[in-house]
Amino acid sequence: MTGSTPATVGVSIRGPITRADLSGLCDRVCGLMQITRADVVLCDVHGVEADAVTVDALARLQLAAQRHGCRVKLYRASDELRQLVRFMGLHDVLVE
């Protein structure tokens, strides 16, 4: 992941997200990061429920991204989801 312009790959996350979905979601996005060697994963979360499971999924994706030298940025997050991310103390981790 070198170069002057960070490579970005986009993914759409649709809900509802359940706890059973967390592992598979993380595996798919990690596979995408490995294939594309992107610096940024832009997650379109439009219409995703603002709940603890969703925030947990996004935080796990961010942790996995960091392990790949990458970062996750939220795109089209609802006000409710942004507020919940802030309330859970993850605003600096899950940026838009």
C-alpha atoms as a PDB file:
ATOM      1  CA  MET A   1       0.000   0.000   0.000  1.00  0.00           C
ATOM      2  CA  THR A   2       2.403   2.518  -1.197  1.00  0.00           C
ATOM      3  CA  GLY A   3       2.022   5.481  -3.469  1.00  0.00           C
ATOM      4  CA  SER A   4       0.778   9.016  -3.204  1.00  0.00           C
ATOM      5  CA  THR A   5      -2.948   8.381  -3.724  1.00  0.00           C
ATOM      6  CA  PRO A   6      -4.614   5.878  -1.412  1.00  0.00           C
ATOM      7  CA  ALA A   7      -6.474   3.113  -3.229  1.00  0.00           C
ATOM      8  CA  THR A   8     -10.107   2.898  -2.209  1.00  0.00           C
ATOM      9  CA  VAL A   9     -12.493  -0.007  -2.570  1.00  0.00           C
ATOM     10  CA  GLY A  10     -16.205   0.290  -1.873  1.00  0.00           C
ATOM     11  CA  VAL A  11     -18.520  -2.216  -0.239  1.00  0.00           C
ATOM     12  CA  SER A  12     -22.214  -2.039   0.520  1.00  0.00           C
ATOM     13  CA  ILE A  13     -23.400  -3.452   3.790  1.00  0.00           C
ATOM     14  CA  ARG A  14     -27.077  -4.294   4.000  1.00  0.00           C
ATOM     15  CA  GLY A  15     -29.045  -5.284   7.037  1.00  0.00           C
ATOM     16  CA  PRO A  16     -30.310  -6.353   9.231  1.00  0.00           C
ATOM     17  CA  ILE A  17     -27.001  -7.621  10.567  1.00  0.00           C
ATOM     18  CA  THR A  18     -27.178 -10.426  13.120  1.00  0.00           C
ATOM     19  CA  ARG A  19     -24.447 -11.770  15.393  1.00  0.00           C
ATOM     20  CA  ALA A  20     -24.314 -14.862  13.161  1.00  0.00           C
ATOM     21  CA  ASP A  21     -23.371 -12.610  10.206  1.00  0.00           C
ATOM     22  CA  LEU A  22     -20.316 -11.042  11.861  1.00  0.00           C
ATOM     23  CA  SER A  23     -17.718 -13.657  10.994  1.00  0.00           C
ATOM     24  CA  GLY A  24     -18.789 -14.038   7.361  1.00  0.00           C
ATOM     25  CA  LEU A  25     -18.989 -10.284   6.817  1.00  0.00           C
ATOM     26  CA  CYS A  26     -15.512  -9.790   8.224  1.00  0.00           C
ATOM     27  CA  ASP A  27     -14.129 -12.687   6.152  1.00  0.00           C
ATOM     28  CA  ARG A  28     -15.587 -11.277   2.908  1.00  0.00           C
ATOM     29  CA  VAL A  29     -14.278  -7.760   3.505  1.00  0.00           C
ATOM     30  CA  CYS A  30     -10.845  -9.059   4.563  1.00  0.00           C
ATOM     31  CA  GLY A  31     -10.699 -11.122   1.377  1.00  0.00           C
ATOM     32  CA  LEU A  32     -11.508  -7.999  -0.624  1.00  0.00           C
ATOM     33  CA  MET A  33      -8.754  -6.082   1.168  1.00  0.00           C
ATOM     34  CA  GLN A  34      -6.228  -8.789   0.347  1.00  0.00           C
ATOM     35  CA  ILE A  35      -7.216  -8.941  -3.322  1.00  0.00           C
ATOM     36  CA  THR A  36      -7.353  -5.189  -3.936  1.00  0.00           C
ATOM     37  CA  ARG A  37      -4.580  -4.073  -1.574  1.00  0.00           C
ATOM     38  CA  ALA A  38      -6.726  -1.007  -0.891  1.00  0.00           C
ATOM     39  CA  ASP A  39      -5.749   1.600   1.678  1.00  0.00           C
ATOM     40  CA  VAL A  40      -9.362   2.558   2.372  1.00  0.00           C
ATOM     41  CA  VAL A  41     -12.545   0.491   2.444  1.00  0.00           C
ATOM     42  CA  LEU A  42     -15.507   2.789   1.913  1.00  0.00           C
ATOM     43  CA  CYS A  43     -18.512   1.087   3.556  1.00  0.00           C
ATOM     44  CA  ASP A  44     -21.892   2.205   2.267  1.00  0.00           C
ATOM     45  CA  VAL A  45     -24.140   1.659   5.279  1.00  0.00           C
ATOM     46  CA  HIS A  46     -27.226   3.397   3.926  1.00  0.00           C
ATOM     47  CA  GLY A  47     -30.316   1.774   5.407  1.00  0.00           C
ATOM     48  CA  VAL A  48     -28.436  -0.369   7.928  1.00  0.00           C
ATOM     49  CA  GLU A  49     -30.044  -0.537  11.352  1.00  0.00           C
ATOM     50  CA  ALA A  50     -28.489   1.646  14.042  1.00  0.00           C
ATOM     51  CA  ASP A  51     -27.980  -0.959  16.738  1.00  0.00           C
ATOM     52  CA  ALA A  52     -25.209  -2.479  18.815  1.00  0.00           C
ATOM     53  CA  VAL A  53     -24.720  -5.431  16.437  1.00  0.00           C
ATOM     54  CA  THR A  54     -24.144  -3.092  13.491  1.00  0.00           C
ATOM     55  CA  VAL A  55     -21.628  -1.017  15.437  1.00  0.00           C
ATOM     56  CA  ASP A  56     -19.918  -4.228  16.582  1.00  0.00           C
ATOM     57  CA  ALA A  57     -19.679  -5.395  12.958  1.00  0.00           C
ATOM     58  CA  LEU A  58     -18.218  -2.066  11.823  1.00  0.00           C
ATOM     59  CA  ALA A  59     -15.723  -2.008  14.692  1.00  0.00           C
ATOM     60  CA  ARG A  60     -14.612  -5.551  13.820  1.00  0.00           C
ATOM     61  CA  LEU A  61     -14.176  -4.517  10.197  1.00  0.00           C
ATOM     62  CA  GLN A  62     -12.044  -1.575  11.297  1.00  0.00           C
ATOM     63  CA  LEU A  63      -9.865  -3.825  13.452  1.00  0.00           C
ATOM     64  CA  ALA A  64      -9.432  -6.288  10.582  1.00  0.00           C
ATOM     65  CA  ALA A  65      -8.650  -3.428   8.206  1.00  0.00           C
ATOM     66  CA  GLN A  66      -5.957  -2.124  10.536  1.00  0.00           C
ATOM     67  CA  ARG A  67      -4.364  -5.560  10.526  1.00  0.00           C
ATOM     68  CA  HIS A  68      -4.159  -5.255   6.727  1.00  0.00           C
ATOM     69  CA  GLY A  69      -2.710  -1.739   6.861  1.00  0.00           C
ATOM     70  CA  CYS A  70      -6.051  -0.355   5.766  1.00  0.00           C
ATOM     71  CA  ARG A  71      -8.895   1.671   7.283  1.00  0.00           C
ATOM     72  CA  VAL A  72     -12.668   1.646   7.064  1.00  0.00           C
ATOM     73  CA  LYS A  73     -14.626   4.802   6.378  1.00  0.00           C
ATOM     74  CA  LEU A  74     -18.389   4.963   6.670  1.00  0.00           C
ATOM     75  CA  TYR A  75     -20.416   6.315   3.767  1.00  0.00           C
ATOM     76  CA  ARG A  76     -24.069   7.390   3.872  1.00  0.00           C
ATOM     77  CA  ALA A  77     -24.475   6.540   7.558  1.00  0.00           C
ATOM     78  CA  SER A  78     -27.756   7.635   9.104  1.00  0.00           C
ATOM     79  CA  ASP A  79     -27.792  10.249  11.840  1.00  0.00           C
ATOM     80  CA  GLU A  80     -28.920   7.521  14.242  1.00  0.00           C
ATOM     81  CA  LEU A  81     -25.961   5.299  13.371  1.00  0.00           C
ATOM     82  CA  ARG A  82     -23.502   8.192  13.686  1.00  0.00           C
ATOM     83  CA  GLN A  83     -24.985   9.112  17.078  1.00  0.00           C
ATOM     84  CA  LEU A  84     -24.772   5.514  18.301  1.00  0.00           C
ATOM     85  CA  VAL A  85     -21.140   5.256  17.161  1.00  0.00           C
ATOM     86  CA  ARG A  86     -20.383   8.446  19.133  1.00  0.00           C
ATOM     87  CA  PHE A  87     -22.332   7.210  22.175  1.00  0.00           C
ATOM     88  CA  MET A  88     -20.352   3.956  22.152  1.00  0.00           C
ATOM     89  CA  GLY A  89     -17.100   5.937  22.083  1.00  0.00           C
ATOM     90  CA  LEU A  90     -16.064   4.768  18.611  1.00  0.00           C
ATOM     91  CA  HIS A  91     -16.305   8.010  16.642  1.00  0.00           C
ATOM     92  CA  ASP A  92     -12.517   8.266  16.310  1.00  0.00           C
ATOM     93  CA  VAL A  93     -12.372   4.634  15.160  1.00  0.00           C
ATOM     94  CA  LEU A  94     -15.289   4.679  12.710  1.00  0.00           C
ATOM     95  CA  VAL A  95     -14.979   7.918  10.785  1.00  0.00           C
ATOM     96  CA  GLU A  96     -17.021   9.240   7.948  1.00  0.00           C
END
